[in-house]
């Protein structure tokens, strides 16, 4: 069962990246799908599954914003830091801090 989950997770990440490329590009869906060697039906199914606007909108996604070079000052409207703590169960905790 773990192998199936691993394959699903990899596919999920693959489609998130693919949809991000679509959003950043300027190709129509048909041409984009041809270039990526995927069917339009798969494209639309994954886009719906991951969120209408494409990558990064599915439940659980956290957009941490753009990372700046070391020493760069954040704009007045940007948050200066980000801290995320995920309790994964069985005593496993993922703690991410960005300053």
PDB file of N, CA and C in Angstrom:
ATOM      1  N   UNK A   1       0.817  -1.202   0.000  1.00  0.00           N
ATOM      2  CA  UNK A   1       0.000   0.000   0.000  1.00  0.00           C
ATOM      3  C   UNK A   1       0.860   1.265   0.000  1.00  0.00           C
ATOM      4  N   UNK A   2       2.008   1.222   0.684  1.00  0.00           N
ATOM      5  CA  UNK A   2       2.862   2.393   0.741  1.00  0.00           C
ATOM      6  C   UNK A   2       3.391   2.760  -0.639  1.00  0.00           C
ATOM      7  N   UNK A   3       3.694   1.758  -1.480  1.00  0.00           N
ATOM      8  CA  UNK A   3       4.164   2.038  -2.837  1.00  0.00           C
ATOM      9  C   UNK A   3       3.105   2.770  -3.637  1.00  0.00           C
ATOM     10  N   UNK A   4       1.841   2.390  -3.473  1.00  0.00           N
ATOM     11  CA  UNK A   4       0.749   3.049  -4.182  1.00  0.00           C
ATOM     12  C   UNK A   4       0.663   4.499  -3.741  1.00  0.00           C
ATOM     13  N   UNK A   5       0.752   4.739  -2.411  1.00  0.00           N
ATOM     14  CA  UNK A   5       0.701   6.107  -1.912  1.00  0.00           C
ATOM     15  C   UNK A   5       1.884   6.910  -2.440  1.00  0.00           C
ATOM     16  N   UNK A   6       3.059   6.296  -2.472  1.00  0.00           N
ATOM     17  CA  UNK A   6       4.232   6.996  -2.970  1.00  0.00           C
ATOM     18  C   UNK A   6       4.063   7.402  -4.422  1.00  0.00           C
ATOM     19  N   UNK A   7       3.515   6.500  -5.227  1.00  0.00           N
ATOM     20  CA  UNK A   7       3.278   6.804  -6.639  1.00  0.00           C
ATOM     21  C   UNK A   7       2.250   7.918  -6.775  1.00  0.00           C
ATOM     22  N   UNK A   8       1.197   7.875  -5.955  1.00  0.00           N
ATOM     23  CA  UNK A   8       0.164   8.916  -5.991  1.00  0.00           C
ATOM     24  C   UNK A   8       0.759  10.266  -5.600  1.00  0.00           C
ATOM     25  N   UNK A   9       1.586  10.269  -4.567  1.00  0.00           N
ATOM     26  CA  UNK A   9       2.196  11.521  -4.116  1.00  0.00           C
ATOM     27  C   UNK A   9       3.119  12.088  -5.193  1.00  0.00           C
ATOM     28  N   UNK A  10       3.882  11.222  -5.847  1.00  0.00           N
ATOM     29  CA  UNK A  10       4.765  11.691  -6.924  1.00  0.00           C
ATOM     30  C   UNK A  10       3.955  12.263  -8.082  1.00  0.00           C
ATOM     31  N   UNK A  11       2.858  11.589  -8.423  1.00  0.00           N
ATOM     32  CA  UNK A  11       1.993  12.051  -9.510  1.00  0.00           C
ATOM     33  C   UNK A  11       1.392  13.411  -9.159  1.00  0.00           C
ATOM     34  N   UNK A  12       0.981  13.554  -7.899  1.00  0.00           N
ATOM     35  CA  UNK A  12       0.407  14.802  -7.415  1.00  0.00           C
ATOM     36  C   UNK A  12       1.414  15.950  -7.569  1.00  0.00           C
ATOM     37  N   UNK A  13       2.644  15.717  -7.139  1.00  0.00           N
ATOM     38  CA  UNK A  13       3.694  16.740  -7.244  1.00  0.00           C
ATOM     39  C   UNK A  13       3.987  17.052  -8.713  1.00  0.00           C
ATOM     40  N   UNK A  14       4.056  16.003  -9.527  1.00  0.00           N
ATOM     41  CA  UNK A  14       4.312  16.177 -10.954  1.00  0.00           C
ATOM     42  C   UNK A  14       3.253  17.080 -11.595  1.00  0.00           C
ATOM     43  N   UNK A  15       1.986  16.836 -11.265  1.00  0.00           N
ATOM     44  CA  UNK A  15       0.910  17.642 -11.851  1.00  0.00           C
ATOM     45  C   UNK A  15       0.884  19.050 -11.277  1.00  0.00           C
ATOM     46  N   UNK A  16       1.240  19.230 -10.026  1.00  0.00           N
ATOM     47  CA  UNK A  16       1.334  20.590  -9.466  1.00  0.00           C
ATOM     48  C   UNK A  16       2.362  21.408 -10.246  1.00  0.00           C
ATOM     49  N   UNK A  17       3.516  20.789 -10.512  1.00  0.00           N
ATOM     50  CA  UNK A  17       4.561  21.483 -11.283  1.00  0.00           C
ATOM     51  C   UNK A  17       4.092  21.757 -12.709  1.00  0.00           C
ATOM     52  N   UNK A  18       3.444  20.770 -13.303  1.00  0.00           N
ATOM     53  CA  UNK A  18       2.951  20.924 -14.679  1.00  0.00           C
ATOM     54  C   UNK A  18       1.939  22.071 -14.754  1.00  0.00           C
ATOM     55  N   UNK A  19       1.008  22.114 -13.798  1.00  0.00           N
ATOM     56  CA  UNK A  19      -0.003  23.174 -13.812  1.00  0.00           C
ATOM     57  C   UNK A  19       0.613  24.541 -13.529  1.00  0.00           C
ATOM     58  N   UNK A  20       1.657  24.570 -12.721  1.00  0.00           N
ATOM     59  CA  UNK A  20       2.360  25.835 -12.484  1.00  0.00           C
ATOM     60  C   UNK A  20       3.002  26.327 -13.783  1.00  0.00           C
ATOM     61  N   UNK A  21       3.587  25.398 -14.548  1.00  0.00           N
ATOM     62  CA  UNK A  21       4.166  25.792 -15.844  1.00  0.00           C
ATOM     63  C   UNK A  21       3.090  26.331 -16.774  1.00  0.00           C
ATOM     64  N   UNK A  22       1.916  25.723 -16.748  1.00  0.00           N
ATOM     65  CA  UNK A  22       0.820  26.200 -17.590  1.00  0.00           C
ATOM     66  C   UNK A  22       0.422  27.625 -17.205  1.00  0.00           C
ATOM     67  N   UNK A  23       0.262  27.865 -15.905  1.00  0.00           N
ATOM     68  CA  UNK A  23      -0.157  29.185 -15.423  1.00  0.00           C
ATOM     69  C   UNK A  23       0.883  30.241 -15.790  1.00  0.00           C
ATOM     70  N   UNK A  24       2.166  29.888 -15.699  1.00  0.00           N
ATOM     71  CA  UNK A  24       3.242  30.840 -16.000  1.00  0.00           C
ATOM     72  C   UNK A  24       3.410  31.070 -17.499  1.00  0.00           C
ATOM     73  N   UNK A  25       2.961  30.119 -18.308  1.00  0.00           N
ATOM     74  CA  UNK A  25       3.137  30.219 -19.758  1.00  0.00           C
ATOM     75  C   UNK A  25       1.986  30.927 -20.434  1.00  0.00           C
ATOM     76  N   UNK A  26       2.023  30.885 -21.751  1.00  0.00           N
ATOM     77  CA  UNK A  26       0.990  31.579 -22.523  1.00  0.00           C
ATOM     78  C   UNK A  26       0.324  30.677 -23.568  1.00  0.00           C
ATOM     79  N   UNK A  27       0.604  29.378 -23.513  1.00  0.00           N
ATOM     80  CA  UNK A  27       0.021  28.467 -24.498  1.00  0.00           C
ATOM     81  C   UNK A  27      -1.430  28.150 -24.163  1.00  0.00           C
ATOM     82  N   UNK A  28      -2.245  27.951 -25.189  1.00  0.00           N
ATOM     83  CA  UNK A  28      -3.604  27.441 -24.947  1.00  0.00           C
ATOM     84  C   UNK A  28      -3.507  26.004 -24.420  1.00  0.00           C
ATOM     85  N   UNK A  29      -4.556  25.534 -23.780  1.00  0.00           N
ATOM     86  CA  UNK A  29      -4.563  24.210 -23.170  1.00  0.00           C
ATOM     87  C   UNK A  29      -4.178  23.122 -24.169  1.00  0.00           C
ATOM     88  N   UNK A  30      -4.755  23.147 -25.337  1.00  0.00           N
ATOM     89  CA  UNK A  30      -4.499  22.107 -26.329  1.00  0.00           C
ATOM     90  C   UNK A  30      -3.013  22.027 -26.685  1.00  0.00           C
ATOM     91  N   UNK A  31      -2.400  23.159 -26.962  1.00  0.00           N
ATOM     92  CA  UNK A  31      -0.979  23.182 -27.331  1.00  0.00           C
ATOM     93  C   UNK A  31      -0.099  22.809 -26.145  1.00  0.00           C
ATOM     94  N   UNK A  32      -0.451  23.268 -24.962  1.00  0.00           N
ATOM     95  CA  UNK A  32       0.306  22.935 -23.764  1.00  0.00           C
ATOM     96  C   UNK A  32       0.298  21.423 -23.535  1.00  0.00           C
ATOM     97  N   UNK A  33      -0.869  20.812 -23.651  1.00  0.00           N
ATOM     98  CA  UNK A  33      -0.995  19.367 -23.446  1.00  0.00           C
ATOM     99  C   UNK A  33      -0.183  18.585 -24.478  1.00  0.00           C
ATOM    100  N   UNK A  34      -0.186  19.055 -25.712  1.00  0.00           N
ATOM    101  CA  UNK A  34       0.620  18.397 -26.740  1.00  0.00           C
ATOM    102  C   UNK A  34       2.101  18.495 -26.395  1.00  0.00           C
ATOM    103  N   UNK A  35       2.538  19.668 -25.956  1.00  0.00           N
ATOM    104  CA  UNK A  35       3.938  19.868 -25.601  1.00  0.00           C
ATOM    105  C   UNK A  35       4.347  19.009 -24.400  1.00  0.00           C
ATOM    106  N   UNK A  36       3.420  18.782 -23.468  1.00  0.00           N
ATOM    107  CA  UNK A  36       3.688  17.996 -22.260  1.00  0.00           C
ATOM    108  C   UNK A  36       3.402  16.508 -22.458  1.00  0.00           C
ATOM    109  N   UNK A  37       2.865  16.142 -23.613  1.00  0.00           N
ATOM    110  CA  UNK A  37       2.488  14.756 -23.922  1.00  0.00           C
ATOM    111  C   UNK A  37       1.488  14.181 -22.923  1.00  0.00           C
ATOM    112  N   UNK A  38       0.455  14.990 -22.631  1.00  0.00           N
ATOM    113  CA  UNK A  38      -0.641  14.542 -21.764  1.00  0.00           C
ATOM    114  C   UNK A  38      -1.958  14.853 -22.464  1.00  0.00           C
ATOM    115  N   UNK A  39      -3.009  14.138 -22.088  1.00  0.00           N
ATOM    116  CA  UNK A  39      -4.309  14.392 -22.708  1.00  0.00           C
ATOM    117  C   UNK A  39      -4.972  15.607 -22.074  1.00  0.00           C
ATOM    118  N   UNK A  40      -5.825  16.252 -22.846  1.00  0.00           N
ATOM    119  CA  UNK A  40      -6.578  17.385 -22.316  1.00  0.00           C
ATOM    120  C   UNK A  40      -7.493  16.930 -21.182  1.00  0.00           C
ATOM    121  N   UNK A  41      -8.050  15.729 -21.294  1.00  0.00           N
ATOM    122  CA  UNK A  41      -8.926  15.210 -20.243  1.00  0.00           C
ATOM    123  C   UNK A  41      -8.162  15.082 -18.926  1.00  0.00           C
ATOM    124  N   UNK A  42      -6.924  14.583 -18.987  1.00  0.00           N
ATOM    125  CA  UNK A  42      -6.108  14.470 -17.771  1.00  0.00           C
ATOM    126  C   UNK A  42      -5.803  15.851 -17.211  1.00  0.00           C
ATOM    127  N   UNK A  43      -5.478  16.783 -18.109  1.00  0.00           N
ATOM    128  CA  UNK A  43      -5.182  18.149 -17.671  1.00  0.00           C
ATOM    129  C   UNK A  43      -6.351  18.731 -16.880  1.00  0.00           C
ATOM    130  N   UNK A  44      -7.542  18.658 -17.452  1.00  0.00           N
ATOM    131  CA  UNK A  44      -8.708  19.231 -16.784  1.00  0.00           C
ATOM    132  C   UNK A  44      -9.048  18.481 -15.492  1.00  0.00           C
ATOM    133  N   UNK A  45      -8.902  17.153 -15.488  1.00  0.00           N
ATOM    134  CA  UNK A  45      -9.198  16.388 -14.279  1.00  0.00           C
ATOM    135  C   UNK A  45      -8.243  16.772 -13.145  1.00  0.00           C
ATOM    136  N   UNK A  46      -6.941  16.858 -13.442  1.00  0.00           N
ATOM    137  CA  UNK A  46      -5.973  17.222 -12.414  1.00  0.00           C
ATOM    138  C   UNK A  46      -6.147  18.669 -11.970  1.00  0.00           C
ATOM    139  N   UNK A  47      -6.451  19.566 -12.889  1.00  0.00           N
ATOM    140  CA  UNK A  47      -6.652  20.960 -12.510  1.00  0.00           C
ATOM    141  C   UNK A  47      -7.834  21.080 -11.567  1.00  0.00           C
ATOM    142  N   UNK A  48      -8.888  20.336 -11.845  1.00  0.00           N
ATOM    143  CA  UNK A  48     -10.045  20.363 -10.953  1.00  0.00           C
ATOM    144  C   UNK A  48      -9.699  19.743  -9.598  1.00  0.00           C
ATOM    145  N   UNK A  49      -8.980  18.641  -9.623  1.00  0.00           N
ATOM    146  CA  UNK A  49      -8.611  17.948  -8.392  1.00  0.00           C
ATOM    147  C   UNK A  49      -7.700  18.801  -7.510  1.00  0.00           C
ATOM    148  N   UNK A  50      -6.768  19.526  -8.118  1.00  0.00           N
ATOM    149  CA  UNK A  50      -5.802  20.310  -7.347  1.00  0.00           C
ATOM    150  C   UNK A  50      -6.266  21.742  -7.087  1.00  0.00           C
ATOM    151  N   UNK A  51      -7.341  22.144  -7.697  1.00  0.00           N
ATOM    152  CA  UNK A  51      -7.847  23.496  -7.501  1.00  0.00           C
ATOM    153  C   UNK A  51      -8.030  24.191  -8.822  1.00  0.00           C
ATOM    154  N   UNK A  52      -9.071  24.971  -8.924  1.00  0.00           N
ATOM    155  CA  UNK A  52      -9.450  25.582 -10.202  1.00  0.00           C
ATOM    156  C   UNK A  52      -8.361  26.431 -10.831  1.00  0.00           C
ATOM    157  N   UNK A  53      -7.559  27.128 -10.053  1.00  0.00           N
ATOM    158  CA  UNK A  53      -6.556  28.002 -10.668  1.00  0.00           C
ATOM    159  C   UNK A  53      -5.263  27.277 -10.991  1.00  0.00           C
ATOM    160  N   UNK A  54      -5.204  25.974 -10.681  1.00  0.00           N
ATOM    161  CA  UNK A  54      -4.010  25.217 -11.035  1.00  0.00           C
ATOM    162  C   UNK A  54      -3.216  24.824  -9.816  1.00  0.00           C
ATOM    163  N   UNK A  55      -1.909  24.951  -9.922  1.00  0.00           N
ATOM    164  CA  UNK A  55      -1.029  24.479  -8.860  1.00  0.00           C
ATOM    165  C   UNK A  55      -1.138  25.333  -7.609  1.00  0.00           C
ATOM    166  N   UNK A  56      -0.944  24.644  -6.501  1.00  0.00           N
ATOM    167  CA  UNK A  56      -0.830  25.369  -5.251  1.00  0.00           C
ATOM    168  C   UNK A  56      -2.111  25.850  -4.636  1.00  0.00           C
ATOM    169  N   UNK A  57      -3.266  25.379  -5.071  1.00  0.00           N
ATOM    170  CA  UNK A  57      -4.500  25.855  -4.479  1.00  0.00           C
ATOM    171  C   UNK A  57      -5.278  24.748  -3.785  1.00  0.00           C
ATOM    172  N   UNK A  58      -4.740  23.543  -3.796  1.00  0.00           N
ATOM    173  CA  UNK A  58      -5.436  22.444  -3.133  1.00  0.00           C
ATOM    174  C   UNK A  58      -5.395  22.638  -1.628  1.00  0.00           C
ATOM    175  N   UNK A  59      -6.345  22.050  -0.935  1.00  0.00           N
ATOM    176  CA  UNK A  59      -6.367  22.144   0.523  1.00  0.00           C
ATOM    177  C   UNK A  59      -5.026  21.699   1.081  1.00  0.00           C
ATOM    178  N   UNK A  60      -4.545  22.424   2.077  1.00  0.00           N
ATOM    179  CA  UNK A  60      -3.292  22.068   2.719  1.00  0.00           C
ATOM    180  C   UNK A  60      -2.080  22.754   2.137  1.00  0.00           C
ATOM    181  N   UNK A  61      -2.225  23.443   1.030  1.00  0.00           N
ATOM    182  CA  UNK A  61      -1.079  24.119   0.428  1.00  0.00           C
ATOM    183  C   UNK A  61      -0.828  25.440   1.136  1.00  0.00           C
ATOM    184  N   UNK A  62       0.418  25.729   1.443  1.00  0.00           N
ATOM    185  CA  UNK A  62       0.786  26.992   2.068  1.00  0.00           C
ATOM    186  C   UNK A  62       1.733  27.715   1.125  1.00  0.00           C
ATOM    187  N   UNK A  63       1.338  28.883   0.654  1.00  0.00           N
ATOM    188  CA  UNK A  63       2.202  29.688  -0.200  1.00  0.00           C
ATOM    189  C   UNK A  63       3.079  30.544   0.700  1.00  0.00           C
ATOM    190  N   UNK A  64       4.360  30.244   0.727  1.00  0.00           N
ATOM    191  CA  UNK A  64       5.294  30.966   1.586  1.00  0.00           C
ATOM    192  C   UNK A  64       5.813  32.233   0.918  1.00  0.00           C
ATOM    193  N   UNK A  65       5.365  32.516  -0.271  1.00  0.00           N
ATOM    194  CA  UNK A  65       5.797  33.722  -0.964  1.00  0.00           C
ATOM    195  C   UNK A  65       7.145  33.520  -1.639  1.00  0.00           C
ATOM    196  N   UNK A  66       7.715  34.599  -2.091  1.00  0.00           N
ATOM    197  CA  UNK A  66       8.979  34.560  -2.807  1.00  0.00           C
ATOM    198  C   UNK A  66      10.112  34.734  -1.809  1.00  0.00           C
ATOM    199  N   UNK A  67      11.100  33.849  -1.892  1.00  0.00           N
ATOM    200  CA  UNK A  67      12.274  33.973  -1.028  1.00  0.00           C
ATOM    201  C   UNK A  67      13.205  35.022  -1.618  1.00  0.00           C
ATOM    202  N   UNK A  68      13.672  35.898  -0.769  1.00  0.00           N
ATOM    203  CA  UNK A  68      14.582  36.956  -1.207  1.00  0.00           C
ATOM    204  C   UNK A  68      16.019  36.564  -0.902  1.00  0.00           C
ATOM    205  N   UNK A  69      16.928  37.211  -1.572  1.00  0.00           N
ATOM    206  CA  UNK A  69      18.344  36.983  -1.299  1.00  0.00           C
ATOM    207  C   UNK A  69      18.656  37.397   0.130  1.00  0.00           C
ATOM    208  N   UNK A  70      19.652  36.793   0.710  1.00  0.00           N
ATOM    209  CA  UNK A  70      20.048  37.102   2.080  1.00  0.00           C
ATOM    210  C   UNK A  70      20.349  38.594   2.213  1.00  0.00           C
ATOM    211  N   UNK A  71      19.797  39.210   3.242  1.00  0.00           N
ATOM    212  CA  UNK A  71      20.026  40.620   3.486  1.00  0.00           C
ATOM    213  C   UNK A  71      19.022  41.540   2.822  1.00  0.00           C
ATOM    214  N   UNK A  72      18.197  41.025   1.909  1.00  0.00           N
ATOM    215  CA  UNK A  72      17.191  41.852   1.249  1.00  0.00           C
ATOM    216  C   UNK A  72      16.094  42.200   2.237  1.00  0.00           C
ATOM    217  N   UNK A  73      15.629  43.416   2.178  1.00  0.00           N
ATOM    218  CA  UNK A  73      14.594  43.875   3.090  1.00  0.00           C
ATOM    219  C   UNK A  73      13.218  43.626   2.502  1.00  0.00           C
ATOM    220  N   UNK A  74      12.259  43.127   3.314  1.00  0.00           N
ATOM    221  CA  UNK A  74      10.903  42.915   2.810  1.00  0.00           C
ATOM    222  C   UNK A  74      10.197  44.242   2.582  1.00  0.00           C
ATOM    223  N   UNK A  75       9.288  44.250   1.619  1.00  0.00           N
ATOM    224  CA  UNK A  75       8.462  45.436   1.392  1.00  0.00           C
ATOM    225  C   UNK A  75       7.573  45.641   2.609  1.00  0.00           C
ATOM    226  N   UNK A  76       7.048  46.837   2.762  1.00  0.00           N
ATOM    227  CA  UNK A  76       6.242  47.171   3.934  1.00  0.00           C
ATOM    228  C   UNK A  76       5.013  46.278   4.068  1.00  0.00           C
ATOM    229  N   UNK A  77       4.476  45.798   2.951  1.00  0.00           N
ATOM    230  CA  UNK A  77       3.258  44.987   3.002  1.00  0.00           C
ATOM    231  C   UNK A  77       3.542  43.500   3.175  1.00  0.00           C
ATOM    232  N   UNK A  78       4.794  43.082   3.080  1.00  0.00           N
ATOM    233  CA  UNK A  78       5.137  41.671   3.193  1.00  0.00           C
ATOM    234  C   UNK A  78       5.387  41.283   4.642  1.00  0.00           C
ATOM    235  N   UNK A  79       5.066  40.032   4.959  1.00  0.00           N
ATOM    236  CA  UNK A  79       5.383  39.516   6.287  1.00  0.00           C
ATOM    237  C   UNK A  79       6.889  39.296   6.364  1.00  0.00           C
ATOM    238  N   UNK A  80       7.481  39.620   7.509  1.00  0.00           N
ATOM    239  CA  UNK A  80       8.917  39.505   7.662  1.00  0.00           C
ATOM    240  C   UNK A  80       9.354  38.068   7.926  1.00  0.00           C
ATOM    241  N   UNK A  81       8.469  37.235   8.432  1.00  0.00           N
ATOM    242  CA  UNK A  81       8.851  35.859   8.710  1.00  0.00           C
ATOM    243  C   UNK A  81       7.654  34.931   8.572  1.00  0.00           C
ATOM    244  N   UNK A  82       7.952  33.653   8.552  1.00  0.00           N
ATOM    245  CA  UNK A  82       6.922  32.633   8.453  1.00  0.00           C
ATOM    246  C   UNK A  82       7.338  31.469   9.329  1.00  0.00           C
ATOM    247  N   UNK A  83       6.421  30.941  10.099  1.00  0.00           N
ATOM    248  CA  UNK A  83       6.694  29.772  10.907  1.00  0.00           C
ATOM    249  C   UNK A  83       5.545  28.789  10.745  1.00  0.00           C
ATOM    250  N   UNK A  84       5.882  27.546  10.400  1.00  0.00           N
ATOM    251  CA  UNK A  84       4.881  26.503  10.210  1.00  0.00           C
ATOM    252  C   UNK A  84       5.286  25.307  11.063  1.00  0.00           C
ATOM    253  N   UNK A  85       4.341  24.776  11.805  1.00  0.00           N
ATOM    254  CA  UNK A  85       4.589  23.583  12.623  1.00  0.00           C
ATOM    255  C   UNK A  85       3.511  22.559  12.271  1.00  0.00           C
ATOM    256  N   UNK A  86       3.948  21.420  11.758  1.00  0.00           N
ATOM    257  CA  UNK A  86       3.032  20.349  11.380  1.00  0.00           C
ATOM    258  C   UNK A  86       3.279  19.147  12.287  1.00  0.00           C
ATOM    259  N   UNK A  87       2.247  18.738  13.006  1.00  0.00           N
ATOM    260  CA  UNK A  87       2.340  17.535  13.815  1.00  0.00           C
ATOM    261  C   UNK A  87       1.845  16.384  12.957  1.00  0.00           C
ATOM    262  N   UNK A  88       2.769  15.502  12.578  1.00  0.00           N
ATOM    263  CA  UNK A  88       2.490  14.447  11.621  1.00  0.00           C
ATOM    264  C   UNK A  88       2.014  13.153  12.274  1.00  0.00           C
ATOM    265  N   UNK A  89       1.984  13.112  13.575  1.00  0.00           N
ATOM    266  CA  UNK A  89       1.553  11.909  14.287  1.00  0.00           C
ATOM    267  C   UNK A  89       2.734  11.082  14.758  1.00  0.00           C
ATOM    268  N   UNK A  90       2.479  10.223  15.729  1.00  0.00           N
ATOM    269  CA  UNK A  90       3.506   9.341  16.294  1.00  0.00           C
ATOM    270  C   UNK A  90       4.718  10.127  16.781  1.00  0.00           C
ATOM    271  N   UNK A  91       4.483  11.351  17.280  1.00  0.00           N
ATOM    272  CA  UNK A  91       5.564  12.169  17.826  1.00  0.00           C
ATOM    273  C   UNK A  91       6.427  12.867  16.796  1.00  0.00           C
ATOM    274  N   UNK A  92       6.094  12.750  15.521  1.00  0.00           N
ATOM    275  CA  UNK A  92       6.881  13.369  14.461  1.00  0.00           C
ATOM    276  C   UNK A  92       6.344  14.768  14.177  1.00  0.00           C
ATOM    277  N   UNK A  93       7.226  15.762  14.252  1.00  0.00           N
ATOM    278  CA  UNK A  93       6.850  17.147  14.037  1.00  0.00           C
ATOM    279  C   UNK A  93       7.765  17.762  12.981  1.00  0.00           C
ATOM    280  N   UNK A  94       7.183  18.436  12.023  1.00  0.00           N
ATOM    281  CA  UNK A  94       7.937  19.181  11.016  1.00  0.00           C
ATOM    282  C   UNK A  94       7.788  20.654  11.371  1.00  0.00           C
ATOM    283  N   UNK A  95       8.904  21.318  11.611  1.00  0.00           N
ATOM    284  CA  UNK A  95       8.887  22.722  12.023  1.00  0.00           C
ATOM    285  C   UNK A  95       9.734  23.505  11.026  1.00  0.00           C
ATOM    286  N   UNK A  96       9.109  24.444  10.329  1.00  0.00           N
ATOM    287  CA  UNK A  96       9.788  25.250   9.309  1.00  0.00           C
ATOM    288  C   UNK A  96       9.715  26.708   9.734  1.00  0.00           C
ATOM    289  N   UNK A  97      10.858  27.368   9.730  1.00  0.00           N
ATOM    290  CA  UNK A  97      10.919  28.794  10.068  1.00  0.00           C
ATOM    291  C   UNK A  97      11.638  29.517   8.948  1.00  0.00           C
ATOM    292  N   UNK A  98      11.020  30.574   8.454  1.00  0.00           N
ATOM    293  CA  UNK A  98      11.646  31.428   7.436  1.00  0.00           C
ATOM    294  C   UNK A  98      11.667  32.836   7.970  1.00  0.00           C
ATOM    295  N   UNK A  99      12.822  33.433   7.999  1.00  0.00           N
ATOM    296  CA  UNK A  99      12.953  34.812   8.503  1.00  0.00           C
ATOM    297  C   UNK A  99      13.457  35.725   7.411  1.00  0.00           C
TER     298      UNK A  99
END
